[in-house]
């Protein structure tokens, strides 16, 4: 839950967000 709040707060603050996991399953989750 803290990660959901944090990423939403960063987006609201105008930051661009990217995913960079070694896992290929990230988007599916």
ModelCIF file with pLDDT and N, C-alpha, C, O atoms, coordinates in Angstrom:
data_MODEL
#
_entry.id   MODEL 
#
_entity.id                         1 
_entity.type                       polymer 
_entity.pdbx_number_of_molecules   1 
#
_entity_poly.entity_id                      1 
_entity_poly.type                           'polypeptide(L)' 
_entity_poly.nstd_linkage                   no 
_entity_poly.nstd_monomer                   no 
_entity_poly.pdbx_seq_one_letter_code       
;(UNK)(UNK)(UNK)(UNK)(UNK)(UNK)(UNK)(UNK)(UNK)(UNK)(UNK)(UNK)(UNK)(UNK)(UNK)(UNK)
(UNK)(UNK)(UNK)(UNK)(UNK)(UNK)(UNK)(UNK)(UNK)(UNK)(UNK)(UNK)(UNK)
;
_entity_poly.pdbx_seq_one_letter_code_can   XXXXXXXXXXXXXXXXXXXXXXXXXXXXX 
_entity_poly.pdbx_strand_id                 A 
#
loop_
_entity_poly_seq.entity_id 
_entity_poly_seq.num 
_entity_poly_seq.mon_id 
_entity_poly_seq.hetero 
1 1  UNK n 
1 2  UNK n 
1 3  UNK n 
1 4  UNK n 
1 5  UNK n 
1 6  UNK n 
1 7  UNK n 
1 8  UNK n 
1 9  UNK n 
1 10 UNK n 
1 11 UNK n 
1 12 UNK n 
1 13 UNK n 
1 14 UNK n 
1 15 UNK n 
1 16 UNK n 
1 17 UNK n 
1 18 UNK n 
1 19 UNK n 
1 20 UNK n 
1 21 UNK n 
1 22 UNK n 
1 23 UNK n 
1 24 UNK n 
1 25 UNK n 
1 26 UNK n 
1 27 UNK n 
1 28 UNK n 
1 29 UNK n 
#
_struct_asym.id          A 
_struct_asym.entity_id   1 
#
loop_
_ma_qa_metric.id 
_ma_qa_metric.mode 
_ma_qa_metric.name 
_ma_qa_metric.software_group_id 
_ma_qa_metric.type 
1 global pLDDT . pLDDT 
2 local  pLDDT . pLDDT 
#
_ma_qa_metric_global.metric_id      1 
_ma_qa_metric_global.metric_value   93.14 
_ma_qa_metric_global.model_id       1 
_ma_qa_metric_global.ordinal_id     1 
#
loop_
_ma_qa_metric_local.label_asym_id 
_ma_qa_metric_local.label_comp_id 
_ma_qa_metric_local.label_seq_id 
_ma_qa_metric_local.metric_id 
_ma_qa_metric_local.metric_value 
_ma_qa_metric_local.model_id 
_ma_qa_metric_local.ordinal_id 
A UNK 1  2 96.00 1 1  
A UNK 2  2 97.00 1 2  
A UNK 3  2 96.00 1 3  
A UNK 4  2 95.00 1 4  
A UNK 5  2 96.00 1 5  
A UNK 6  2 97.00 1 6  
A UNK 7  2 97.00 1 7  
A UNK 8  2 96.00 1 8  
A UNK 9  2 97.00 1 9  
A UNK 10 2 97.00 1 10 
A UNK 11 2 97.00 1 11 
A UNK 12 2 96.00 1 12 
A UNK 13 2 96.00 1 13 
A UNK 14 2 97.00 1 14 
A UNK 15 2 98.00 1 15 
A UNK 16 2 98.00 1 16 
A UNK 17 2 98.00 1 17 
A UNK 18 2 98.00 1 18 
A UNK 19 2 97.00 1 19 
A UNK 20 2 96.00 1 20 
A UNK 21 2 89.00 1 21 
A UNK 22 2 83.00 1 22 
A UNK 23 2 81.00 1 23 
A UNK 24 2 82.00 1 24 
A UNK 25 2 83.00 1 25 
A UNK 26 2 86.00 1 26 
A UNK 27 2 88.00 1 27 
A UNK 28 2 86.00 1 28 
A UNK 29 2 88.00 1 29 
#
loop_
_atom_site.group_PDB 
_atom_site.id 
_atom_site.type_symbol 
_atom_site.label_atom_id 
_atom_site.label_alt_id 
_atom_site.label_comp_id 
_atom_site.label_asym_id 
_atom_site.label_entity_id 
_atom_site.label_seq_id 
_atom_site.pdbx_PDB_ins_code 
_atom_site.Cartn_x 
_atom_site.Cartn_y 
_atom_site.Cartn_z 
_atom_site.occupancy 
_atom_site.B_iso_or_equiv 
_atom_site.pdbx_formal_charge 
_atom_site.auth_seq_id 
_atom_site.auth_comp_id 
_atom_site.auth_asym_id 
_atom_site.auth_atom_id 
_atom_site.pdbx_PDB_model_num 
ATOM 1   N N  . UNK A 1 1  ? 0.802  -1.227  0.000   1.00 96.00 ? 1  UNK A N  1 
ATOM 2   C CA . UNK A 1 1  ? 0.000  0.000   0.000   1.00 96.00 ? 1  UNK A CA 1 
ATOM 3   C C  . UNK A 1 1  ? 0.837  1.281   0.000   1.00 96.00 ? 1  UNK A C  1 
ATOM 4   O O  . UNK A 1 1  ? 0.459  2.257   -0.648  1.00 96.00 ? 1  UNK A O  1 
ATOM 5   N N  . UNK A 1 2  ? 1.975  1.297   0.718   1.00 97.00 ? 2  UNK A N  1 
ATOM 6   C CA . UNK A 1 2  ? 2.806  2.501   0.733   1.00 97.00 ? 2  UNK A CA 1 
ATOM 7   C C  . UNK A 1 2  ? 3.389  2.779   -0.643  1.00 97.00 ? 2  UNK A C  1 
ATOM 8   O O  . UNK A 1 2  ? 3.567  3.939   -1.015  1.00 97.00 ? 2  UNK A O  1 
ATOM 9   N N  . UNK A 1 3  ? 3.690  1.726   -1.409  1.00 96.00 ? 3  UNK A N  1 
ATOM 10  C CA . UNK A 1 3  ? 4.239  1.905   -2.752  1.00 96.00 ? 3  UNK A CA 1 
ATOM 11  C C  . UNK A 1 3  ? 3.191  2.464   -3.704  1.00 96.00 ? 3  UNK A C  1 
ATOM 12  O O  . UNK A 1 3  ? 3.505  3.278   -4.572  1.00 96.00 ? 3  UNK A O  1 
ATOM 13  N N  . UNK A 1 4  ? 1.948  2.027   -3.540  1.00 95.00 ? 4  UNK A N  1 
ATOM 14  C CA . UNK A 1 4  ? 0.874  2.565   -4.368  1.00 95.00 ? 4  UNK A CA 1 
ATOM 15  C C  . UNK A 1 4  ? 0.689  4.057   -4.079  1.00 95.00 ? 4  UNK A C  1 
ATOM 16  O O  . UNK A 1 4  ? 0.538  4.860   -5.000  1.00 95.00 ? 4  UNK A O  1 
ATOM 17  N N  . UNK A 1 5  ? 0.701  4.418   -2.800  1.00 96.00 ? 5  UNK A N  1 
ATOM 18  C CA . UNK A 1 5  ? 0.547  5.834   -2.439  1.00 96.00 ? 5  UNK A CA 1 
ATOM 19  C C  . UNK A 1 5  ? 1.727  6.655   -2.949  1.00 96.00 ? 5  UNK A C  1 
ATOM 20  O O  . UNK A 1 5  ? 1.546  7.757   -3.467  1.00 96.00 ? 5  UNK A O  1 
ATOM 21  N N  . UNK A 1 6  ? 2.934  6.114   -2.799  1.00 97.00 ? 6  UNK A N  1 
ATOM 22  C CA . UNK A 1 6  ? 4.140  6.843   -3.195  1.00 97.00 ? 6  UNK A CA 1 
ATOM 23  C C  . UNK A 1 6  ? 4.187  7.064   -4.700  1.00 97.00 ? 6  UNK A C  1 
ATOM 24  O O  . UNK A 1 6  ? 4.463  8.176   -5.149  1.00 97.00 ? 6  UNK A O  1 
ATOM 25  N N  . UNK A 1 7  ? 3.924  6.041   -5.474  1.00 97.00 ? 7  UNK A N  1 
ATOM 26  C CA . UNK A 1 7  ? 3.964  6.198   -6.928  1.00 97.00 ? 7  UNK A CA 1 
ATOM 27  C C  . UNK A 1 7  ? 2.881  7.167   -7.403  1.00 97.00 ? 7  UNK A C  1 
ATOM 28  O O  . UNK A 1 7  ? 3.112  7.958   -8.318  1.00 97.00 ? 7  UNK A O  1 
ATOM 29  N N  . UNK A 1 8  ? 1.697  7.105   -6.781  1.00 96.00 ? 8  UNK A N  1 
ATOM 30  C CA . UNK A 1 8  ? 0.624  8.043   -7.143  1.00 96.00 ? 8  UNK A CA 1 
ATOM 31  C C  . UNK A 1 8  ? 1.010  9.474   -6.774  1.00 96.00 ? 8  UNK A C  1 
ATOM 32  O O  . UNK A 1 8  ? 0.702  10.407  -7.516  1.00 96.00 ? 8  UNK A O  1 
ATOM 33  N N  . UNK A 1 9  ? 1.682  9.659   -5.632  1.00 97.00 ? 9  UNK A N  1 
ATOM 34  C CA . UNK A 1 9  ? 2.116  10.993  -5.207  1.00 97.00 ? 9  UNK A CA 1 
ATOM 35  C C  . UNK A 1 9  ? 3.181  11.549  -6.154  1.00 97.00 ? 9  UNK A C  1 
ATOM 36  O O  . UNK A 1 9  ? 3.161  12.736  -6.480  1.00 97.00 ? 9  UNK A O  1 
ATOM 37  N N  . UNK A 1 10 ? 4.100  10.706  -6.590  1.00 97.00 ? 10 UNK A N  1 
ATOM 38  C CA . UNK A 1 10 ? 5.123  11.157  -7.534  1.00 97.00 ? 10 UNK A CA 1 
ATOM 39  C C  . UNK A 1 10 ? 4.488  11.569  -8.863  1.00 97.00 ? 10 UNK A C  1 
ATOM 40  O O  . UNK A 1 10 ? 4.855  12.584  -9.454  1.00 97.00 ? 10 UNK A O  1 
ATOM 41  N N  . UNK A 1 11 ? 3.538  10.769  -9.316  1.00 97.00 ? 11 UNK A N  1 
ATOM 42  C CA . UNK A 1 11 ? 2.848  11.097  -10.573 1.00 97.00 ? 11 UNK A CA 1 
ATOM 43  C C  . UNK A 1 11 ? 2.117  12.431  -10.439 1.00 97.00 ? 11 UNK A C  1 
ATOM 44  O O  . UNK A 1 11 ? 2.166  13.264  -11.345 1.00 97.00 ? 11 UNK A O  1 
ATOM 45  N N  . UNK A 1 12 ? 1.441  12.633  -9.311  1.00 96.00 ? 12 UNK A N  1 
ATOM 46  C CA . UNK A 1 12 ? 0.717  13.886  -9.079  1.00 96.00 ? 12 UNK A CA 1 
ATOM 47  C C  . UNK A 1 12 ? 1.664  15.075  -8.995  1.00 96.00 ? 12 UNK A C  1 
ATOM 48  O O  . UNK A 1 12 ? 1.288  16.198  -9.329  1.00 96.00 ? 12 UNK A O  1 
ATOM 49  N N  . UNK A 1 13 ? 2.909  14.826  -8.543  1.00 96.00 ? 13 UNK A N  1 
ATOM 50  C CA . UNK A 1 13 ? 3.905  15.892  -8.437  1.00 96.00 ? 13 UNK A CA 1 
ATOM 51  C C  . UNK A 1 13 ? 4.567  16.199  -9.783  1.00 96.00 ? 13 UNK A C  1 
ATOM 52  O O  . UNK A 1 13 ? 5.395  17.104  -9.879  1.00 96.00 ? 13 UNK A O  1 
ATOM 53  N N  . UNK A 1 14 ? 4.199  15.445  -10.817 1.00 97.00 ? 14 UNK A N  1 
ATOM 54  C CA . UNK A 1 14 ? 4.704  15.730  -12.157 1.00 97.00 ? 14 UNK A CA 1 
ATOM 55  C C  . UNK A 1 14 ? 5.912  14.925  -12.588 1.00 97.00 ? 14 UNK A C  1 
ATOM 56  O O  . UNK A 1 14 ? 6.476  15.186  -13.651 1.00 97.00 ? 14 UNK A O  1 
ATOM 57  N N  . UNK A 1 15 ? 6.326  13.948  -11.786 1.00 98.00 ? 15 UNK A N  1 
ATOM 58  C CA . UNK A 1 15 ? 7.466  13.133  -12.193 1.00 98.00 ? 15 UNK A CA 1 
ATOM 59  C C  . UNK A 1 15 ? 7.033  12.104  -13.232 1.00 98.00 ? 15 UNK A C  1 
ATOM 60  O O  . UNK A 1 15 ? 5.888  11.651  -13.250 1.00 98.00 ? 15 UNK A O  1 
ATOM 61  N N  . UNK A 1 16 ? 7.978  11.752  -14.090 1.00 98.00 ? 16 UNK A N  1 
ATOM 62  C CA . UNK A 1 16 ? 7.754  10.654  -15.021 1.00 98.00 ? 16 UNK A CA 1 
ATOM 63  C C  . UNK A 1 16 ? 8.169  9.363   -14.332 1.00 98.00 ? 16 UNK A C  1 
ATOM 64  O O  . UNK A 1 16 ? 9.154  9.331   -13.594 1.00 98.00 ? 16 UNK A O  1 
ATOM 65  N N  . UNK A 1 17 ? 7.414  8.305   -14.577 1.00 98.00 ? 17 UNK A N  1 
ATOM 66  C CA . UNK A 1 17 ? 7.653  7.042   -13.879 1.00 98.00 ? 17 UNK A CA 1 
ATOM 67  C C  . UNK A 1 17 ? 7.978  5.930   -14.869 1.00 98.00 ? 17 UNK A C  1 
ATOM 68  O O  . UNK A 1 17 ? 7.372  5.822   -15.935 1.00 98.00 ? 17 UNK A O  1 
ATOM 69  N N  . UNK A 1 18 ? 8.949  5.108   -14.489 1.00 98.00 ? 18 UNK A N  1 
ATOM 70  C CA . UNK A 1 18 ? 9.324  3.966   -15.327 1.00 98.00 ? 18 UNK A CA 1 
ATOM 71  C C  . UNK A 1 18 ? 9.503  2.730   -14.471 1.00 98.00 ? 18 UNK A C  1 
ATOM 72  O O  . UNK A 1 18 ? 9.875  2.816   -13.301 1.00 98.00 ? 18 UNK A O  1 
ATOM 73  N N  . UNK A 1 19 ? 9.234  1.580   -15.066 1.00 97.00 ? 19 UNK A N  1 
ATOM 74  C CA . UNK A 1 19 ? 9.484  0.287   -14.435 1.00 97.00 ? 19 UNK A CA 1 
ATOM 75  C C  . UNK A 1 19 ? 10.760 -0.291  -15.027 1.00 97.00 ? 19 UNK A C  1 
ATOM 76  O O  . UNK A 1 19 ? 10.956 -0.266  -16.242 1.00 97.00 ? 19 UNK A O  1 
ATOM 77  N N  . UNK A 1 20 ? 11.623 -0.807  -14.169 1.00 96.00 ? 20 UNK A N  1 
ATOM 78  C CA . UNK A 1 20 ? 12.874 -1.397  -14.655 1.00 96.00 ? 20 UNK A CA 1 
ATOM 79  C C  . UNK A 1 20 ? 13.245 -2.576  -13.766 1.00 96.00 ? 20 UNK A C  1 
ATOM 80  O O  . UNK A 1 20 ? 14.217 -2.531  -13.011 1.00 96.00 ? 20 UNK A O  1 
ATOM 81  N N  . UNK A 1 21 ? 12.449 -3.624  -13.874 1.00 89.00 ? 21 UNK A N  1 
ATOM 82  C CA . UNK A 1 21 ? 12.693 -4.846  -13.117 1.00 89.00 ? 21 UNK A CA 1 
ATOM 83  C C  . UNK A 1 21 ? 13.386 -5.860  -14.012 1.00 89.00 ? 21 UNK A C  1 
ATOM 84  O O  . UNK A 1 21 ? 13.195 -5.858  -15.228 1.00 89.00 ? 21 UNK A O  1 
ATOM 85  N N  . UNK A 1 22 ? 14.185 -6.720  -13.414 1.00 83.00 ? 22 UNK A N  1 
ATOM 86  C CA . UNK A 1 22 ? 14.778 -7.815  -14.170 1.00 83.00 ? 22 UNK A CA 1 
ATOM 87  C C  . UNK A 1 22 ? 13.719 -8.837  -14.578 1.00 83.00 ? 22 UNK A C  1 
ATOM 88  O O  . UNK A 1 22 ? 13.937 -9.634  -15.491 1.00 83.00 ? 22 UNK A O  1 
ATOM 89  N N  . UNK A 1 23 ? 12.585 -8.812  -13.908 1.00 81.00 ? 23 UNK A N  1 
ATOM 90  C CA . UNK A 1 23 ? 11.514 -9.781  -14.152 1.00 81.00 ? 23 UNK A CA 1 
ATOM 91  C C  . UNK A 1 23 ? 10.664 -9.409  -15.362 1.00 81.00 ? 23 UNK A C  1 
ATOM 92  O O  . UNK A 1 23 ? 10.345 -8.240  -15.577 1.00 81.00 ? 23 UNK A O  1 
ATOM 93  N N  . UNK A 1 24 ? 10.305 -10.410 -16.137 1.00 82.00 ? 24 UNK A N  1 
ATOM 94  C CA . UNK A 1 24 ? 9.403  -10.191 -17.271 1.00 82.00 ? 24 UNK A CA 1 
ATOM 95  C C  . UNK A 1 24 ? 7.938  -10.257 -16.845 1.00 82.00 ? 24 UNK A C  1 
ATOM 96  O O  . UNK A 1 24 ? 7.043  -10.063 -17.667 1.00 82.00 ? 24 UNK A O  1 
ATOM 97  N N  . UNK A 1 25 ? 7.693  -10.526 -15.574 1.00 83.00 ? 25 UNK A N  1 
ATOM 98  C CA . UNK A 1 25 ? 6.323  -10.671 -15.085 1.00 83.00 ? 25 UNK A CA 1 
ATOM 99  C C  . UNK A 1 25 ? 5.767  -9.386  -14.481 1.00 83.00 ? 25 UNK A C  1 
ATOM 100 O O  . UNK A 1 25 ? 4.629  -9.367  -14.011 1.00 83.00 ? 25 UNK A O  1 
ATOM 101 N N  . UNK A 1 26 ? 6.559  -8.307  -14.487 1.00 86.00 ? 26 UNK A N  1 
ATOM 102 C CA . UNK A 1 26 ? 6.167  -7.090  -13.786 1.00 86.00 ? 26 UNK A CA 1 
ATOM 103 C C  . UNK A 1 26 ? 4.845  -6.526  -14.297 1.00 86.00 ? 26 UNK A C  1 
ATOM 104 O O  . UNK A 1 26 ? 3.934  -6.267  -13.510 1.00 86.00 ? 26 UNK A O  1 
ATOM 105 N N  . UNK A 1 27 ? 4.736  -6.334  -15.610 1.00 88.00 ? 27 UNK A N  1 
ATOM 106 C CA . UNK A 1 27 ? 3.520  -5.725  -16.165 1.00 88.00 ? 27 UNK A CA 1 
ATOM 107 C C  . UNK A 1 27 ? 2.294  -6.589  -15.897 1.00 88.00 ? 27 UNK A C  1 
ATOM 108 O O  . UNK A 1 27 ? 1.209  -6.066  -15.642 1.00 88.00 ? 27 UNK A O  1 
ATOM 109 N N  . UNK A 1 28 ? 2.459  -7.905  -15.954 1.00 86.00 ? 28 UNK A N  1 
ATOM 110 C CA . UNK A 1 28 ? 1.327  -8.808  -15.714 1.00 86.00 ? 28 UNK A CA 1 
ATOM 111 C C  . UNK A 1 28 ? 0.772  -8.630  -14.307 1.00 86.00 ? 28 UNK A C  1 
ATOM 112 O O  . UNK A 1 28 ? -0.440 -8.698  -14.101 1.00 86.00 ? 28 UNK A O  1 
ATOM 113 N N  . UNK A 1 29 ? 1.658  -8.401  -13.340 1.00 88.00 ? 29 UNK A N  1 
ATOM 114 C CA . UNK A 1 29 ? 1.191  -8.194  -11.973 1.00 88.00 ? 29 UNK A CA 1 
ATOM 115 C C  . UNK A 1 29 ? 0.554  -6.821  -11.812 1.00 88.00 ? 29 UNK A C  1 
ATOM 116 O O  . UNK A 1 29 ? 0.103  -6.474  -10.721 1.00 88.00 ? 29 UNK A O  1 
#
